């Protein structure tokens, strides 16, 4: 079954370009692999441009696929992980997961969107997860748990400090798109780092697999962030309150990216929360954020040709369609940039800054990295202007941190996510200090 790609823009934590044209090519690439999996090789061969279709026959595709299955096992999924332009062509990198191993593929498209190349990439040495120095496993233990919402059961991890009683606990809420419990991006695991850093300093945490990863088939029609993230976050907070030896006056939620944007909304549904942490949280509409992201990627391309400028202007026009605030005569499941209209209406009717302003009992901490090219310091400035005078709000900017909350020497490029790095220990120390304070 084809998976819906949720917010394939910057908040997805992937090394992708953010244009509508690229989204079409990503979807086309996924469809190609679905046809190959279903052994519909004639249909798959039709994806190739007529200029090259004679060079790669139906029989060729069948032989390639049978060889891959023989060596790597049964095909499981294809995940598009990167796109770039090379001359007049678009190159899409796909990570194919098979039963026994993964295999990288490179698909080349011409301007008409037809495939002109299908290449099996040589196996490269993969960067591995870097265990942070602060992750002292003698100081904490981990236990598998389950976050349960009606009709859903999500595996998670409870990380608890050893030899400590009456400890605080934090629920970790993901950004956009399908994600594992560690919020893995390449060799980086933001939530795993946070859990280890917290527990080594006396703070427990709950992290869990996101619903869109486990129940992807449910996200093909109309849905909103309620189904994507909020229901499970509320259930996780309720679960946190049942953990033995916790301080029930110190139950917190840390929302990262989209999770931070939704944190004020979740707090209104979970009064047992003592406070919320908004990490790299957008203060603007998703459309405004995507416009800024597209401008950044356009500037990074350093391509001044009229063709790219025209493409960029077309992307901005497509993005304007996401400013929908009511369905009107449109069906709730009508797709706009790969997401249903119901999703955009729900997000556009929600004002996270105003929601945070209404929070008076719960404490709020807002943190932002200066080297984050996905959610910029402009969002931090908006939060600061709106909330800095509230006594229950603390804000802090970390000039060196990127979107994964690790220290970087520059704002970009996207390829930094391919290198292993850990969540800043300075940040973790500050978060623990705030959590433990009154």
Protein backbone atom coordinates (compact mmCIF):
# COMPACT_ATOMS: atom_id res chain seq x y z
CA UNK A 1 0.00 0.00 0.00
CA UNK A 2 1.32 3.41 -0.90
CA UNK A 3 2.10 5.59 2.10
CA UNK A 4 0.98 9.20 2.31
CA UNK A 5 3.95 11.51 2.77
CA UNK A 6 3.05 13.94 5.54
CA UNK A 7 4.52 17.42 5.32
CA UNK A 8 7.30 16.53 2.97
CA UNK A 9 8.59 20.03 3.50
CA UNK A 10 11.32 20.93 5.95
CA UNK A 11 9.51 19.71 9.05
CA UNK A 12 9.76 16.14 7.86
CA UNK A 13 13.42 16.05 8.90
CA UNK A 14 14.58 14.67 5.63
CA UNK A 15 17.06 15.71 3.01
CA UNK A 16 14.52 16.73 0.45
CA UNK A 17 13.79 19.72 -1.72
CA UNK A 18 10.48 21.36 -0.92
CA UNK A 19 8.88 22.12 -4.27
CA UNK A 20 5.58 20.89 -5.62
CA UNK A 21 7.38 19.56 -8.71
CA UNK A 22 9.64 17.46 -6.52
CA UNK A 23 6.63 16.15 -4.59
CA UNK A 24 5.18 14.91 -7.89
CA UNK A 25 8.44 13.15 -8.74
CA UNK A 26 8.61 11.61 -5.27
CA UNK A 27 5.10 10.25 -5.66
CA UNK A 28 5.92 9.04 -9.16
CA UNK A 29 9.01 7.25 -7.84
CA UNK A 30 6.99 5.56 -5.11
CA UNK A 31 4.39 4.49 -7.67
CA UNK A 32 7.13 3.00 -9.86
CA UNK A 33 8.35 0.78 -7.02
CA UNK A 34 4.79 -0.24 -6.18
CA UNK A 35 4.35 -1.48 -9.74
CA UNK A 36 7.64 -3.36 -9.56
CA UNK A 37 6.56 -4.98 -6.28
CA UNK A 38 3.27 -6.03 -7.89
CA UNK A 39 5.25 -7.43 -10.86
CA UNK A 40 3.43 -5.08 -13.22
CA UNK A 41 6.57 -4.63 -15.27
CA UNK A 42 4.79 -3.44 -18.42
CA UNK A 43 3.15 -0.60 -16.50
CA UNK A 44 6.45 0.21 -14.80
CA UNK A 45 8.27 0.31 -18.13
CA UNK A 46 5.75 2.92 -19.33
CA UNK A 47 7.24 5.36 -16.80
CA UNK A 48 10.33 5.69 -19.02
CA UNK A 49 10.61 8.38 -21.65
CA UNK A 50 10.15 7.07 -25.24
CA UNK A 51 13.75 8.08 -25.97
CA UNK A 52 15.08 5.42 -23.57
CA UNK A 53 12.24 2.91 -23.29
CA UNK A 54 13.79 0.76 -26.03
CA UNK A 55 16.99 0.48 -23.99
CA UNK A 56 15.32 -0.94 -20.89
CA UNK A 57 12.70 -3.50 -21.76
CA UNK A 58 9.97 -5.13 -19.70
CA UNK A 59 12.15 -8.24 -19.56
CA UNK A 60 15.06 -6.14 -18.25
CA UNK A 61 12.94 -4.76 -15.41
CA UNK A 62 11.69 -8.21 -14.51
CA UNK A 63 15.23 -9.60 -14.43
CA UNK A 64 16.47 -6.70 -12.29
CA UNK A 65 13.65 -7.16 -9.80
CA UNK A 66 14.03 -10.93 -9.56
CA UNK A 67 17.76 -10.53 -8.92
CA UNK A 68 17.15 -7.96 -6.19
CA UNK A 69 14.57 -10.20 -4.50
CA UNK A 70 16.94 -13.16 -4.69
CA UNK A 71 19.82 -11.25 -3.11
CA UNK A 72 18.01 -8.94 -0.67
CA UNK A 73 14.75 -10.73 0.10
CA UNK A 74 11.17 -9.61 -0.33
CA UNK A 75 10.63 -5.91 -1.04
CA UNK A 76 9.07 -4.00 1.87
CA UNK A 77 9.06 -0.27 1.14
CA UNK A 78 10.58 2.58 -0.85
CA UNK A 79 11.38 5.88 0.81
CA UNK A 80 12.39 8.92 -1.23
CA UNK A 81 15.14 10.66 0.70
CA UNK A 82 16.70 13.29 -1.54
CA UNK A 83 16.31 15.23 -4.76
CA UNK A 84 18.61 17.48 -6.74
CA UNK A 85 18.97 18.92 -10.20
CA UNK A 86 21.80 18.12 -12.57
CA UNK A 87 21.71 20.12 -15.76
CA UNK A 88 18.29 19.60 -17.30
CA UNK A 89 17.49 16.55 -15.20
CA UNK A 90 15.96 15.86 -11.78
CA UNK A 91 17.64 13.14 -9.72
CA UNK A 92 15.63 11.37 -7.01
CA UNK A 93 17.38 9.14 -4.48
CA UNK A 94 15.29 6.27 -3.12
CA UNK A 95 16.08 4.02 -0.17
CA UNK A 96 14.58 0.60 -0.92
CA UNK A 97 14.03 -1.65 2.08
CA UNK A 98 14.05 -5.40 1.50
CA UNK A 99 13.67 -8.24 4.01
CA UNK A 100 17.42 -8.79 4.43
CA UNK A 101 18.97 -5.43 3.56
CA UNK A 102 18.46 -1.95 2.15
CA UNK A 103 19.41 -0.82 -1.35
CA UNK A 104 19.81 2.67 -2.73
CA UNK A 105 18.44 3.66 -6.13
CA UNK A 106 18.85 6.75 -8.28
CA UNK A 107 15.98 7.71 -10.61
CA UNK A 108 16.60 10.37 -13.25
CA UNK A 109 13.73 12.40 -14.75
CA UNK A 110 13.57 14.88 -17.60
CA UNK A 111 11.59 18.14 -17.53
CA UNK A 112 8.48 16.31 -18.76
CA UNK A 113 8.55 14.15 -15.64
CA UNK A 114 9.46 11.00 -17.56
CA UNK A 115 12.14 8.64 -16.28
CA UNK A 116 15.34 8.61 -18.31
CA UNK A 117 17.50 6.58 -15.93
CA UNK A 118 17.14 3.87 -13.27
CA UNK A 119 20.37 3.10 -11.42
CA UNK A 120 21.23 0.75 -8.58
CA UNK A 121 23.64 2.64 -6.35
CA UNK A 122 26.75 0.97 -4.96
CA UNK A 123 26.54 0.24 -1.26
CA UNK A 124 28.16 3.10 0.61
CA UNK A 125 29.44 3.01 4.13
CA UNK A 126 26.61 4.34 6.29
CA UNK A 127 27.28 6.75 9.12
CA UNK A 128 26.24 5.21 12.39
CA UNK A 129 24.54 6.65 15.44
CA UNK A 130 26.89 8.50 17.76
CA UNK A 131 26.22 7.62 21.38
CA UNK A 132 26.45 10.91 23.34
CA UNK A 133 29.03 11.19 26.10
CA UNK A 134 26.26 12.18 28.51
CA UNK A 135 24.35 8.91 27.90
CA UNK A 136 25.63 7.12 31.01
CA UNK A 137 23.62 3.89 30.99
CA UNK A 138 24.62 3.10 34.57
CA UNK A 139 22.40 5.97 35.68
CA UNK A 140 19.13 4.90 34.05
CA UNK A 141 17.08 1.98 32.75
CA UNK A 142 14.70 1.58 29.80
CA UNK A 143 11.47 -0.39 29.55
CA UNK A 144 9.19 -1.03 26.59
CA UNK A 145 5.71 0.41 27.05
CA UNK A 146 2.62 1.00 24.92
CA UNK A 147 0.75 4.25 24.32
CA UNK A 148 -2.88 3.33 23.78
CA UNK A 149 -5.52 5.50 22.14
CA UNK A 150 -8.88 4.14 20.88
CA UNK A 151 -8.12 1.65 18.11
CA UNK A 152 -4.37 2.25 18.25
CA UNK A 153 -1.47 0.71 20.16
CA UNK A 154 1.93 2.38 19.79
CA UNK A 155 5.12 0.84 21.13
CA UNK A 156 7.21 3.23 23.16
CA UNK A 157 10.11 3.49 25.58
CA UNK A 158 10.06 4.55 29.20
CA UNK A 159 13.46 5.82 30.34
CA UNK A 160 13.81 6.12 34.13
CA UNK A 161 16.66 7.41 36.31
CA UNK A 162 18.05 4.81 38.72
CA UNK A 163 17.99 5.23 42.49
CA UNK A 164 15.77 8.30 42.25
CA UNK A 165 12.26 8.78 43.60
CA UNK A 166 9.71 11.51 43.03
CA UNK A 167 11.27 12.38 39.66
CA UNK A 168 9.84 14.57 36.86
CA UNK A 169 8.73 12.97 33.60
CA UNK A 170 8.60 14.36 30.04
CA UNK A 171 6.53 13.15 27.08
CA UNK A 172 8.29 13.67 23.74
CA UNK A 173 6.09 14.61 20.76
CA UNK A 174 7.37 14.34 17.17
CA UNK A 175 7.51 16.74 14.30
CA UNK A 176 5.67 16.11 11.02
CA UNK A 177 5.54 12.90 9.05
CA UNK A 178 6.08 9.24 9.93
CA UNK A 179 8.73 8.81 12.62
CA UNK A 180 10.11 6.14 14.91
CA UNK A 181 10.28 6.60 18.68
CA UNK A 182 13.83 7.99 18.48
CA UNK A 183 12.89 10.61 15.85
CA UNK A 184 15.63 9.18 13.65
CA UNK A 185 17.06 11.25 10.79
CA UNK A 186 19.95 9.50 9.07
CA UNK A 187 22.38 8.55 11.86
CA UNK A 188 20.83 11.11 14.24
CA UNK A 189 18.29 10.31 16.96
CA UNK A 190 17.02 13.47 18.63
CA UNK A 191 14.55 11.82 21.04
CA UNK A 192 16.93 9.01 22.02
CA UNK A 193 19.53 11.64 22.92
CA UNK A 194 17.05 13.69 24.91
CA UNK A 195 15.80 10.63 26.81
CA UNK A 196 19.34 9.57 27.74
CA UNK A 197 20.41 13.08 28.71
CA UNK A 198 17.30 13.63 30.83
CA UNK A 199 17.51 10.29 32.64
CA UNK A 200 21.21 10.64 33.46
CA UNK A 201 20.25 13.86 35.25
CA UNK A 202 17.22 12.52 37.12
CA UNK A 203 14.34 13.12 34.67
CA UNK A 204 12.26 10.31 33.16
CA UNK A 205 10.72 10.37 29.69
CA UNK A 206 8.27 8.61 27.40
CA UNK A 207 8.86 8.41 23.66
CA UNK A 208 6.81 6.35 21.21
CA UNK A 209 6.43 5.43 17.56
CA UNK A 210 4.30 7.93 15.69
CA UNK A 211 0.92 6.75 14.47
CA UNK A 212 1.60 7.72 10.86
CA UNK A 213 4.47 5.20 10.76
CA UNK A 214 2.50 2.26 12.16
CA UNK A 215 -0.97 2.99 10.78
CA UNK A 216 -0.01 4.62 7.48
CA UNK A 217 -3.00 3.08 5.71
CA UNK A 218 -5.36 5.24 7.78
CA UNK A 219 -3.92 8.44 6.32
CA UNK A 220 -5.14 8.19 2.76
CA UNK A 221 -8.42 10.11 3.20
CA UNK A 222 -9.50 13.06 5.29
CA UNK A 223 -7.65 13.63 8.57
CA UNK A 224 -6.16 16.38 10.73
CA UNK A 225 -3.36 16.80 13.25
CA UNK A 226 -5.76 15.38 15.84
CA UNK A 227 -5.37 11.93 14.32
CA UNK A 228 -1.76 12.51 13.30
CA UNK A 229 -0.39 13.62 16.65
CA UNK A 230 -2.72 15.10 19.28
CA UNK A 231 -4.74 12.04 20.35
CA UNK A 232 -1.62 9.98 20.99
CA UNK A 233 0.18 12.80 22.79
CA UNK A 234 -2.76 13.18 25.18
CA UNK A 235 -2.77 9.41 25.75
CA UNK A 236 0.99 9.48 26.43
CA UNK A 237 0.55 12.25 29.00
CA UNK A 238 -2.15 10.19 30.74
CA UNK A 239 0.21 7.19 30.74
CA UNK A 240 3.00 9.32 32.22
CA UNK A 241 0.78 10.06 35.21
CA UNK A 242 0.58 6.34 36.05
CA UNK A 243 4.33 5.68 36.19
CA UNK A 244 5.46 4.70 39.73
CA UNK A 245 7.67 7.11 41.69
CA UNK A 246 7.04 10.15 39.50
CA UNK A 247 6.33 13.60 40.86
CA UNK A 248 2.77 14.19 39.62
CA UNK A 249 3.33 17.91 39.97
CA UNK A 250 6.10 17.71 37.38
CA UNK A 251 4.65 16.12 34.24
CA UNK A 252 5.89 17.90 31.13
CA UNK A 253 5.56 17.68 27.36
CA UNK A 254 8.32 18.53 24.89
CA UNK A 255 7.05 19.12 21.37
CA UNK A 256 9.59 19.29 18.56
CA UNK A 257 8.82 21.28 15.40
CA UNK A 258 5.17 20.50 14.55
CA UNK A 259 4.92 18.89 18.00
CA UNK A 260 5.97 22.22 19.50
CA UNK A 261 3.48 24.08 17.35
CA UNK A 262 0.74 21.81 18.70
CA UNK A 263 1.95 21.82 22.32
CA UNK A 264 -0.38 24.66 23.46
CA UNK A 265 -3.32 22.79 21.90
CA UNK A 266 -2.30 19.56 23.64
CA UNK A 267 -1.87 21.38 26.96
CA UNK A 268 -5.50 22.51 26.82
CA UNK A 269 -6.54 18.85 26.58
CA UNK A 270 -4.14 17.61 29.27
CA UNK A 271 -4.58 19.75 32.40
CA UNK A 272 -2.31 17.39 34.36
CA UNK A 273 0.67 18.86 32.51
CA UNK A 274 2.85 21.10 34.66
CA UNK A 275 4.45 22.69 31.62
CA UNK A 276 5.28 22.47 27.95
CA UNK A 277 8.53 22.88 26.04
CA UNK A 278 8.33 24.23 22.49
CA UNK A 279 11.50 23.17 20.66
CA UNK A 280 12.01 24.69 17.18
CA UNK A 281 8.29 25.43 17.04
CA UNK A 282 6.78 27.45 14.16
CA UNK A 283 4.98 30.60 15.32
CA UNK A 284 3.53 31.24 11.84
CA UNK A 285 1.16 29.44 9.55
CA UNK A 286 2.53 26.39 7.81
CA UNK A 287 2.16 28.16 4.48
CA UNK A 288 4.30 31.11 5.59
CA UNK A 289 6.91 28.66 6.84
CA UNK A 290 6.95 26.74 3.56
CA UNK A 291 7.30 29.95 1.56
CA UNK A 292 10.38 30.84 3.62
CA UNK A 293 11.77 27.32 3.18
CA UNK A 294 11.33 27.48 -0.59
CA UNK A 295 13.07 30.85 -0.71
CA UNK A 296 15.95 29.44 1.29
CA UNK A 297 16.29 26.42 -1.01
CA UNK A 298 16.10 28.70 -4.06
CA UNK A 299 18.93 30.82 -2.69
CA UNK A 300 20.96 27.73 -1.79
CA UNK A 301 20.68 26.45 -5.36
CA UNK A 302 22.68 29.46 -6.61
CA UNK A 303 21.00 29.01 -9.98
CA UNK A 304 20.08 32.35 -11.56
CA UNK A 305 18.60 30.94 -14.75
CA UNK A 306 15.19 32.17 -15.85
CA UNK A 307 13.92 28.59 -15.93
CA UNK A 308 14.57 28.03 -12.22
CA UNK A 309 13.14 31.43 -11.34
CA UNK A 310 9.96 30.56 -13.23
CA UNK A 311 9.78 27.21 -11.47
CA UNK A 312 10.24 28.91 -8.10
CA UNK A 313 7.43 31.38 -8.84
CA UNK A 314 5.20 28.46 -9.80
CA UNK A 315 5.98 26.78 -6.48
CA UNK A 316 4.92 29.88 -4.57
CA UNK A 317 1.62 29.92 -6.46
CA UNK A 318 1.02 26.29 -5.51
CA UNK A 319 1.79 27.05 -1.87
CA UNK A 320 -0.89 29.74 -1.79
CA UNK A 321 -3.49 26.98 -2.24
CA UNK A 322 -2.69 25.74 1.26
CA UNK A 323 -4.08 28.89 2.93
CA UNK A 324 -7.51 27.23 3.00
CA UNK A 325 -9.55 28.14 6.11
CA UNK A 326 -12.84 26.44 5.22
CA UNK A 327 -13.86 23.58 2.96
CA UNK A 328 -16.71 25.36 1.19
CA UNK A 329 -17.69 23.05 -1.65
CA UNK A 330 -14.39 21.20 -1.52
CA UNK A 331 -14.34 17.60 -0.28
CA UNK A 332 -12.46 17.03 2.97
CA UNK A 333 -10.17 14.46 1.35
CA UNK A 334 -9.26 16.65 -1.62
CA UNK A 335 -5.47 16.61 -1.89
CA UNK A 336 -3.51 19.86 -1.66
CA UNK A 337 0.26 19.42 -1.82
CA UNK A 338 -0.13 15.79 -0.80
CA UNK A 339 -2.33 16.45 2.25
CA UNK A 340 -6.14 16.54 2.51
CA UNK A 341 -8.03 19.83 2.57
CA UNK A 342 -9.29 18.92 6.05
CA UNK A 343 -5.69 19.01 7.30
CA UNK A 344 -5.01 22.50 5.95
CA UNK A 345 -8.30 23.91 7.22
CA UNK A 346 -7.63 22.55 10.69
CA UNK A 347 -4.08 23.95 10.83
CA UNK A 348 -5.09 27.33 9.42
CA UNK A 349 -7.88 27.71 11.96
CA UNK A 350 -5.39 27.11 14.77
CA UNK A 351 -3.25 29.97 16.08
CA UNK A 352 -0.54 28.52 18.29
CA UNK A 353 0.63 31.91 19.58
CA UNK A 354 -2.86 32.90 20.72
CA UNK A 355 -3.35 29.47 22.27
CA UNK A 356 -0.11 29.88 24.24
CA UNK A 357 -1.20 33.34 25.41
CA UNK A 358 -4.25 31.77 27.06
CA UNK A 359 -2.11 29.39 29.15
CA UNK A 360 -1.66 30.80 32.63
CA UNK A 361 -1.36 27.87 35.01
CA UNK A 362 1.15 25.75 33.07
CA UNK A 363 4.73 26.87 32.54
CA UNK A 364 6.09 27.37 29.02
CA UNK A 365 9.67 27.12 27.77
CA UNK A 366 10.44 28.12 24.16
CA UNK A 367 13.83 27.18 22.68
CA UNK A 368 15.18 27.88 19.19
CA UNK A 369 18.40 27.22 17.31
CA UNK A 370 20.08 30.02 15.35
CA UNK A 371 21.39 27.57 12.72
CA UNK A 372 17.96 26.03 12.09
CA UNK A 373 17.05 26.51 8.41
CA UNK A 374 13.72 24.72 8.79
CA UNK A 375 12.18 26.88 11.50
CA UNK A 376 14.04 30.16 11.64
CA UNK A 377 14.79 32.76 14.31
CA UNK A 378 11.95 34.79 12.81
CA UNK A 379 9.58 32.38 14.54
CA UNK A 380 11.48 32.81 17.79
CA UNK A 381 11.14 36.58 17.48
CA UNK A 382 7.37 36.21 17.04
CA UNK A 383 7.12 34.01 20.14
CA UNK A 384 9.29 36.47 22.07
CA UNK A 385 7.22 39.51 21.08
CA UNK A 386 3.96 37.81 21.98
CA UNK A 387 4.91 36.00 25.20
CA UNK A 388 8.05 37.46 26.80
CA UNK A 389 6.06 39.54 29.29
CA UNK A 390 4.12 36.55 30.65
CA UNK A 391 5.49 35.41 34.02
CA UNK A 392 5.01 31.72 33.19
CA UNK A 393 7.01 31.89 29.95
CA UNK A 394 10.78 31.48 29.46
CA UNK A 395 12.48 31.87 26.06
CA UNK A 396 16.04 31.08 25.04
CA UNK A 397 17.87 31.25 21.71
CA UNK A 398 20.86 28.96 21.08
CA UNK A 399 22.85 30.53 18.19
CA UNK A 400 24.70 27.33 17.22
CA UNK A 401 21.87 24.76 17.23
CA UNK A 402 20.18 23.34 14.13
CA UNK A 403 16.72 21.80 13.76
CA UNK A 404 17.87 18.51 15.30
CA UNK A 405 19.04 20.49 18.36
CA UNK A 406 22.71 19.71 17.73
CA UNK A 407 25.53 22.23 17.46
CA UNK A 408 26.57 23.21 13.92
CA UNK A 409 29.01 25.76 12.49
CA UNK A 410 26.57 27.03 9.86
CA UNK A 411 22.86 27.22 9.07
CA UNK A 412 22.94 24.76 6.20
CA UNK A 413 23.23 22.78 4.03
CA UNK A 414 20.68 19.99 4.15
CA UNK A 415 23.47 17.41 3.90
CA UNK A 416 24.44 18.09 7.53
CA UNK A 417 21.69 15.63 8.52
CA UNK A 418 23.77 12.82 6.96
CA UNK A 419 26.47 13.33 9.58
CA UNK A 420 26.12 11.92 13.11
CA UNK A 421 25.70 14.55 15.81
CA UNK A 422 24.15 14.60 19.25
CA UNK A 423 21.66 16.87 20.93
CA UNK A 424 23.57 19.64 22.68
CA UNK A 425 24.50 18.78 26.27
CA UNK A 426 24.29 22.48 27.12
CA UNK A 427 20.68 22.42 25.98
CA UNK A 428 19.93 19.28 28.00
CA UNK A 429 21.41 20.83 31.14
CA UNK A 430 19.24 23.92 30.65
CA UNK A 431 16.11 21.84 30.00
CA UNK A 432 16.66 19.75 33.13
CA UNK A 433 17.27 22.87 35.19
CA UNK A 434 14.00 24.40 33.97
CA UNK A 435 12.06 21.16 34.50
CA UNK A 436 13.28 20.81 38.09
CA UNK A 437 12.73 24.46 38.99
CA UNK A 438 9.52 25.67 40.61
